[in-house]
Amino acid sequence: MLSEGYNQSHISRVLKVHRSTISIDVQFLREQARNQIHDFITERLPMAVTKSCTALDNITSTAWNLAKNSDDDRVKLQALTLIKETEKDKIDIVSNVNIVDQIVSETENRQQRLVLQNFEEPAEDKQDEAEAEV
């Protein structure tokens, strides 16, 4: 229902459950989606990029062979155009991977900061308690 655009209050009324139940379920779904995206970016995407670049390299190599060995000027022109497009595609792929890398790095940094904040808060509370006793 959430994917259909209904808000949590509406869903809880329709399903006749407490809104907190819906909130917990939505939180679980968000976490699950976040994990799936992380797994895709870290596990599947690198292989997909490698396969794509290898395929594009093969296309470029074949196109160069056509451009060099053909006597037909139209074939040469089409081959050179294909090479240009293929090289542009490779640049696009690499550029997008760099953006993904930046997002992953920023996400990991944010998670580390949250862990450090959670670790430091109890120490600050103890320091405040110690100062209050003095």
N, C-alpha and C. Protein backbone atom coordinates (compact mmCIF):
# COMPACT_ATOMS: atom_id res chain seq x y z
N MET A 1 0.82 -1.19 0.00
CA MET A 1 0.00 0.00 0.00
C MET A 1 0.87 1.26 0.00
N LEU A 2 1.99 1.16 0.70
CA LEU A 2 2.91 2.30 0.73
C LEU A 2 3.38 2.64 -0.68
N SER A 3 3.66 1.61 -1.48
CA SER A 3 4.11 1.84 -2.85
C SER A 3 3.00 2.42 -3.72
N GLU A 4 1.76 2.29 -3.28
CA GLU A 4 0.63 2.86 -4.00
C GLU A 4 0.39 4.31 -3.61
N GLY A 5 1.19 4.83 -2.67
CA GLY A 5 1.10 6.24 -2.31
C GLY A 5 0.33 6.52 -1.03
N TYR A 6 -0.14 5.48 -0.36
CA TYR A 6 -0.87 5.70 0.90
C TYR A 6 0.10 5.98 2.03
N ASN A 7 -0.32 6.88 2.96
CA ASN A 7 0.55 7.17 4.09
C ASN A 7 0.35 6.12 5.19
N GLN A 8 1.21 6.16 6.18
CA GLN A 8 1.19 5.15 7.23
C GLN A 8 -0.10 5.17 8.04
N SER A 9 -0.65 6.34 8.28
CA SER A 9 -1.91 6.44 9.03
C SER A 9 -3.04 5.75 8.28
N HIS A 10 -3.12 5.99 6.99
CA HIS A 10 -4.17 5.37 6.19
C HIS A 10 -4.01 3.84 6.19
N ILE A 11 -2.78 3.39 6.02
CA ILE A 11 -2.52 1.94 6.00
C ILE A 11 -2.92 1.31 7.33
N SER A 12 -2.58 1.97 8.43
CA SER A 12 -2.92 1.41 9.74
C SER A 12 -4.44 1.34 9.94
N ARG A 13 -5.17 2.32 9.43
CA ARG A 13 -6.64 2.28 9.54
C ARG A 13 -7.21 1.15 8.69
N VAL A 14 -6.73 1.01 7.46
CA VAL A 14 -7.26 -0.02 6.57
C VAL A 14 -6.96 -1.41 7.12
N LEU A 15 -5.76 -1.61 7.61
CA LEU A 15 -5.36 -2.93 8.13
C LEU A 15 -5.79 -3.16 9.57
N LYS A 16 -6.29 -2.09 10.20
CA LYS A 16 -6.76 -2.16 11.59
C LYS A 16 -5.66 -2.64 12.54
N VAL A 17 -4.49 -2.00 12.36
CA VAL A 17 -3.37 -2.24 13.26
C VAL A 17 -2.86 -0.89 13.74
N HIS A 18 -2.10 -0.91 14.82
CA HIS A 18 -1.57 0.33 15.37
C HIS A 18 -0.57 0.94 14.39
N ARG A 19 -0.52 2.26 14.36
CA ARG A 19 0.38 2.98 13.44
C ARG A 19 1.84 2.60 13.69
N SER A 20 2.20 2.33 14.93
CA SER A 20 3.59 1.96 15.23
C SER A 20 3.97 0.65 14.54
N THR A 21 3.02 -0.24 14.35
CA THR A 21 3.30 -1.50 13.65
C THR A 21 3.67 -1.20 12.19
N ILE A 22 2.92 -0.30 11.59
CA ILE A 22 3.21 0.09 10.21
C ILE A 22 4.57 0.79 10.16
N SER A 23 4.84 1.64 11.12
CA SER A 23 6.11 2.36 11.16
C SER A 23 7.29 1.39 11.27
N ILE A 24 7.15 0.39 12.10
CA ILE A 24 8.21 -0.62 12.26
C ILE A 24 8.40 -1.38 10.96
N ASP A 25 7.29 -1.74 10.31
CA ASP A 25 7.38 -2.46 9.04
C ASP A 25 8.06 -1.60 7.96
N VAL A 26 7.70 -0.32 7.91
CA VAL A 26 8.30 0.58 6.92
C VAL A 26 9.79 0.73 7.20
N GLN A 27 10.14 0.86 8.47
CA GLN A 27 11.56 0.97 8.83
C GLN A 27 12.31 -0.29 8.39
N PHE A 28 11.70 -1.45 8.61
CA PHE A 28 12.32 -2.71 8.19
C PHE A 28 12.50 -2.74 6.67
N LEU A 29 11.48 -2.32 5.92
CA LEU A 29 11.57 -2.31 4.45
C LEU A 29 12.65 -1.35 3.97
N ARG A 30 12.75 -0.19 4.62
CA ARG A 30 13.79 0.76 4.23
C ARG A 30 15.18 0.19 4.47
N GLU A 31 15.36 -0.46 5.61
CA GLU A 31 16.65 -1.06 5.93
C GLU A 31 16.99 -2.18 4.94
N GLN A 32 15.98 -2.97 4.61
CA GLN A 32 16.17 -4.05 3.64
C GLN A 32 16.56 -3.48 2.27
N ALA A 33 15.89 -2.41 1.85
CA ALA A 33 16.22 -1.77 0.56
C ALA A 33 17.63 -1.20 0.60
N ARG A 34 17.99 -0.58 1.73
CA ARG A 34 19.33 -0.02 1.88
C ARG A 34 20.39 -1.12 1.76
N ASN A 35 20.14 -2.26 2.38
CA ASN A 35 21.08 -3.38 2.30
C ASN A 35 21.19 -3.93 0.88
N GLN A 36 20.05 -4.01 0.20
CA GLN A 36 20.06 -4.50 -1.17
C GLN A 36 20.84 -3.56 -2.08
N ILE A 37 20.66 -2.27 -1.90
CA ILE A 37 21.39 -1.30 -2.71
C ILE A 37 22.89 -1.40 -2.41
N HIS A 38 23.23 -1.52 -1.13
CA HIS A 38 24.65 -1.64 -0.75
C HIS A 38 25.25 -2.89 -1.37
N ASP A 39 24.53 -4.02 -1.30
CA ASP A 39 25.04 -5.25 -1.88
C ASP A 39 25.20 -5.12 -3.39
N PHE A 40 24.25 -4.48 -4.04
CA PHE A 40 24.36 -4.30 -5.49
C PHE A 40 25.58 -3.46 -5.83
N ILE A 41 25.76 -2.37 -5.10
CA ILE A 41 26.87 -1.46 -5.39
C ILE A 41 28.21 -2.12 -5.11
N THR A 42 28.31 -2.86 -4.03
CA THR A 42 29.61 -3.42 -3.66
C THR A 42 29.89 -4.78 -4.28
N GLU A 43 28.85 -5.55 -4.59
CA GLU A 43 29.07 -6.92 -5.09
C GLU A 43 28.81 -7.05 -6.59
N ARG A 44 27.69 -6.57 -7.06
CA ARG A 44 27.30 -6.82 -8.45
C ARG A 44 27.79 -5.75 -9.42
N LEU A 45 27.77 -4.52 -9.00
CA LEU A 45 28.12 -3.42 -9.91
C LEU A 45 29.54 -3.52 -10.45
N PRO A 46 30.54 -3.83 -9.62
CA PRO A 46 31.90 -3.92 -10.18
C PRO A 46 32.02 -4.95 -11.31
N MET A 47 31.36 -6.10 -11.15
CA MET A 47 31.41 -7.12 -12.20
C MET A 47 30.66 -6.65 -13.44
N ALA A 48 29.53 -5.99 -13.26
CA ALA A 48 28.77 -5.48 -14.40
C ALA A 48 29.58 -4.44 -15.17
N VAL A 49 30.29 -3.58 -14.45
CA VAL A 49 31.13 -2.57 -15.10
C VAL A 49 32.26 -3.25 -15.87
N THR A 50 32.87 -4.24 -15.28
CA THR A 50 33.96 -4.96 -15.93
C THR A 50 33.47 -5.64 -17.21
N LYS A 51 32.32 -6.30 -17.11
CA LYS A 51 31.76 -6.96 -18.29
C LYS A 51 31.43 -5.95 -19.39
N SER A 52 30.84 -4.84 -19.01
CA SER A 52 30.49 -3.82 -19.99
C SER A 52 31.72 -3.25 -20.67
N CYS A 53 32.73 -2.94 -19.88
CA CYS A 53 33.97 -2.39 -20.46
C CYS A 53 34.65 -3.39 -21.37
N THR A 54 34.64 -4.66 -21.01
CA THR A 54 35.23 -5.70 -21.86
C THR A 54 34.47 -5.81 -23.18
N ALA A 55 33.15 -5.78 -23.10
CA ALA A 55 32.33 -5.84 -24.31
C ALA A 55 32.60 -4.63 -25.21
N LEU A 56 32.69 -3.45 -24.59
CA LEU A 56 32.96 -2.24 -25.36
C LEU A 56 34.36 -2.28 -25.98
N ASP A 57 35.32 -2.84 -25.26
CA ASP A 57 36.68 -2.99 -25.82
C ASP A 57 36.65 -3.91 -27.04
N ASN A 58 35.88 -4.98 -26.96
CA ASN A 58 35.76 -5.90 -28.10
C ASN A 58 35.11 -5.22 -29.30
N ILE A 59 34.10 -4.42 -29.04
CA ILE A 59 33.44 -3.67 -30.12
C ILE A 59 34.43 -2.71 -30.76
N THR A 60 35.17 -2.00 -29.93
CA THR A 60 36.16 -1.05 -30.44
C THR A 60 37.21 -1.75 -31.31
N SER A 61 37.69 -2.89 -30.83
CA SER A 61 38.71 -3.63 -31.57
C SER A 61 38.18 -4.09 -32.93
N THR A 62 36.98 -4.62 -32.95
CA THR A 62 36.37 -5.06 -34.20
C THR A 62 36.15 -3.88 -35.15
N ALA A 63 35.68 -2.77 -34.59
CA ALA A 63 35.44 -1.59 -35.42
C ALA A 63 36.74 -1.06 -36.02
N TRP A 64 37.83 -1.07 -35.23
CA TRP A 64 39.12 -0.63 -35.77
C TRP A 64 39.57 -1.54 -36.92
N ASN A 65 39.36 -2.84 -36.76
CA ASN A 65 39.72 -3.77 -37.83
C ASN A 65 38.93 -3.46 -39.10
N LEU A 66 37.64 -3.18 -38.94
CA LEU A 66 36.82 -2.82 -40.10
C LEU A 66 37.31 -1.51 -40.73
N ALA A 67 37.59 -0.53 -39.89
CA ALA A 67 38.02 0.77 -40.41
C ALA A 67 39.35 0.66 -41.16
N LYS A 68 40.25 -0.16 -40.68
CA LYS A 68 41.57 -0.29 -41.31
C LYS A 68 41.54 -1.17 -42.56
N ASN A 69 40.68 -2.18 -42.57
CA ASN A 69 40.76 -3.19 -43.64
C ASN A 69 39.70 -3.06 -44.72
N SER A 70 38.76 -2.17 -44.54
CA SER A 70 37.69 -2.04 -45.54
C SER A 70 38.11 -1.07 -46.65
N ASP A 71 37.66 -1.39 -47.84
CA ASP A 71 37.90 -0.51 -48.98
C ASP A 71 36.73 0.45 -49.18
N ASP A 72 35.63 0.17 -48.50
CA ASP A 72 34.41 0.98 -48.63
C ASP A 72 34.48 2.15 -47.64
N ASP A 73 34.45 3.37 -48.14
CA ASP A 73 34.52 4.55 -47.28
C ASP A 73 33.35 4.64 -46.31
N ARG A 74 32.17 4.19 -46.73
CA ARG A 74 31.01 4.22 -45.83
C ARG A 74 31.22 3.29 -44.64
N VAL A 75 31.76 2.12 -44.89
CA VAL A 75 32.04 1.17 -43.80
C VAL A 75 33.08 1.77 -42.85
N LYS A 76 34.12 2.39 -43.42
CA LYS A 76 35.14 3.04 -42.58
C LYS A 76 34.53 4.13 -41.70
N LEU A 77 33.69 4.96 -42.31
CA LEU A 77 33.04 6.04 -41.57
C LEU A 77 32.13 5.50 -40.47
N GLN A 78 31.36 4.47 -40.77
CA GLN A 78 30.48 3.86 -39.76
C GLN A 78 31.30 3.23 -38.63
N ALA A 79 32.41 2.60 -38.98
CA ALA A 79 33.28 1.98 -37.97
C ALA A 79 33.88 3.04 -37.06
N LEU A 80 34.35 4.14 -37.65
CA LEU A 80 34.93 5.22 -36.84
C LEU A 80 33.88 5.88 -35.95
N THR A 81 32.67 6.02 -36.46
CA THR A 81 31.57 6.56 -35.65
C THR A 81 31.27 5.63 -34.48
N LEU A 82 31.27 4.34 -34.74
CA LEU A 82 31.03 3.35 -33.68
C LEU A 82 32.14 3.41 -32.62
N ILE A 83 33.37 3.57 -33.06
CA ILE A 83 34.49 3.69 -32.12
C ILE A 83 34.29 4.91 -31.22
N LYS A 84 33.93 6.04 -31.83
CA LYS A 84 33.70 7.26 -31.05
C LYS A 84 32.59 7.05 -30.01
N GLU A 85 31.49 6.45 -30.43
CA GLU A 85 30.37 6.22 -29.52
C GLU A 85 30.74 5.24 -28.41
N THR A 86 31.50 4.22 -28.78
CA THR A 86 31.92 3.21 -27.80
C THR A 86 32.85 3.81 -26.75
N GLU A 87 33.78 4.63 -27.19
CA GLU A 87 34.70 5.28 -26.24
C GLU A 87 33.93 6.22 -25.31
N LYS A 88 32.94 6.92 -25.86
CA LYS A 88 32.11 7.78 -25.02
C LYS A 88 31.34 6.96 -23.99
N ASP A 89 30.83 5.81 -24.41
CA ASP A 89 30.12 4.93 -23.48
C ASP A 89 31.03 4.48 -22.34
N LYS A 90 32.29 4.16 -22.66
CA LYS A 90 33.24 3.75 -21.62
C LYS A 90 33.48 4.88 -20.62
N ILE A 91 33.63 6.09 -21.15
CA ILE A 91 33.83 7.24 -20.26
C ILE A 91 32.61 7.45 -19.36
N ASP A 92 31.42 7.31 -19.94
CA ASP A 92 30.19 7.44 -19.14
C ASP A 92 30.14 6.40 -18.03
N ILE A 93 30.49 5.17 -18.35
CA ILE A 93 30.47 4.10 -17.34
C ILE A 93 31.44 4.42 -16.21
N VAL A 94 32.66 4.77 -16.56
CA VAL A 94 33.68 5.06 -15.55
C VAL A 94 33.27 6.27 -14.71
N SER A 95 32.71 7.29 -15.35
CA SER A 95 32.27 8.48 -14.61
C SER A 95 31.18 8.13 -13.62
N ASN A 96 30.23 7.30 -14.05
CA ASN A 96 29.15 6.91 -13.15
C ASN A 96 29.66 6.05 -12.00
N VAL A 97 30.65 5.21 -12.26
CA VAL A 97 31.23 4.39 -11.19
C VAL A 97 31.90 5.29 -10.16
N ASN A 98 32.57 6.36 -10.62
CA ASN A 98 33.20 7.28 -9.69
C ASN A 98 32.16 7.95 -8.80
N ILE A 99 31.02 8.30 -9.36
CA ILE A 99 29.94 8.90 -8.57
C ILE A 99 29.45 7.90 -7.53
N VAL A 100 29.27 6.66 -7.94
CA VAL A 100 28.82 5.62 -7.00
C VAL A 100 29.85 5.43 -5.90
N ASP A 101 31.14 5.41 -6.26
CA ASP A 101 32.20 5.28 -5.26
C ASP A 101 32.13 6.42 -4.24
N GLN A 102 31.89 7.63 -4.71
CA GLN A 102 31.78 8.78 -3.81
C GLN A 102 30.60 8.61 -2.86
N ILE A 103 29.49 8.14 -3.37
CA ILE A 103 28.30 7.93 -2.54
C ILE A 103 28.58 6.86 -1.49
N VAL A 104 29.19 5.76 -1.91
CA VAL A 104 29.51 4.68 -0.96
C VAL A 104 30.46 5.19 0.11
N SER A 105 31.49 5.94 -0.29
CA SER A 105 32.45 6.47 0.69
C SER A 105 31.77 7.41 1.67
N GLU A 106 30.92 8.28 1.17
CA GLU A 106 30.21 9.21 2.05
C GLU A 106 29.29 8.47 3.01
N THR A 107 28.62 7.44 2.52
CA THR A 107 27.74 6.65 3.38
C THR A 107 28.54 5.94 4.46
N GLU A 108 29.67 5.36 4.10
CA GLU A 108 30.51 4.68 5.08
C GLU A 108 31.05 5.68 6.11
N ASN A 109 31.46 6.86 5.66
CA ASN A 109 31.94 7.89 6.59
C ASN A 109 30.84 8.31 7.55
N ARG A 110 29.62 8.47 7.03
CA ARG A 110 28.49 8.86 7.87
C ARG A 110 28.21 7.79 8.92
N GLN A 111 28.27 6.51 8.52
CA GLN A 111 28.05 5.43 9.46
C GLN A 111 29.13 5.41 10.54
N GLN A 112 30.38 5.66 10.15
CA GLN A 112 31.46 5.69 11.12
C GLN A 112 31.27 6.83 12.12
N ARG A 113 30.83 7.99 11.61
CA ARG A 113 30.57 9.13 12.51
C ARG A 113 29.46 8.79 13.50
N LEU A 114 28.42 8.11 13.04
CA LEU A 114 27.32 7.73 13.93
C LEU A 114 27.81 6.76 15.00
N VAL A 115 28.64 5.81 14.61
CA VAL A 115 29.18 4.86 15.58
C VAL A 115 30.03 5.59 16.61
N LEU A 116 30.86 6.52 16.14
CA LEU A 116 31.71 7.29 17.06
C LEU A 116 30.86 8.14 18.00
N GLN A 117 29.81 8.75 17.47
CA GLN A 117 28.93 9.57 18.32
C GLN A 117 28.28 8.71 19.39
N ASN A 118 27.80 7.54 19.01
CA ASN A 118 27.17 6.64 19.98
C ASN A 118 28.17 6.14 21.01
N PHE A 119 29.42 5.98 20.57
CA PHE A 119 30.46 5.52 21.49
C PHE A 119 30.86 6.63 22.45
N GLU A 120 30.90 7.88 21.97
CA GLU A 120 31.35 8.99 22.79
C GLU A 120 30.29 9.48 23.76
N GLU A 121 29.01 9.35 23.44
CA GLU A 121 27.95 9.86 24.29
C GLU A 121 27.97 9.28 25.70
N PRO A 122 28.10 7.95 25.86
CA PRO A 122 28.15 7.43 27.23
C PRO A 122 29.34 7.98 28.02
N ALA A 123 30.48 8.18 27.36
CA ALA A 123 31.64 8.72 28.04
C ALA A 123 31.36 10.14 28.50
N GLU A 124 30.67 10.92 27.67
CA GLU A 124 30.32 12.29 28.06
C GLU A 124 29.34 12.28 29.23
N ASP A 125 28.39 11.34 29.23
CA ASP A 125 27.44 11.23 30.32
C ASP A 125 28.15 10.92 31.63
N LYS A 126 29.14 10.03 31.58
CA LYS A 126 29.90 9.69 32.79
C LYS A 126 30.68 10.89 33.29
N GLN A 127 31.25 11.66 32.35
CA GLN A 127 31.99 12.86 32.73
C GLN A 127 31.05 13.87 33.38
N ASP A 128 29.85 14.04 32.81
CA ASP A 128 28.87 14.95 33.41
C ASP A 128 28.49 14.50 34.80
N GLU A 129 28.30 13.17 34.99
CA GLU A 129 27.95 12.66 36.31
C GLU A 129 29.08 12.89 37.30
N ALA A 130 30.32 12.71 36.85
CA ALA A 130 31.48 12.91 37.73
C ALA A 130 31.58 14.38 38.14
N GLU A 131 31.33 15.29 37.20
CA GLU A 131 31.40 16.71 37.51
C GLU A 131 30.26 17.11 38.46
N ALA A 132 29.12 16.47 38.31
CA ALA A 132 27.97 16.79 39.18
C ALA A 132 28.25 16.35 40.62
N GLU A 133 29.02 15.28 40.81
CA GLU A 133 29.33 14.79 42.15
C GLU A 133 30.29 15.74 42.86
N VAL A 134 31.10 16.45 42.12
CA VAL A 134 32.12 17.35 42.70
C VAL A 134 31.47 18.60 43.16
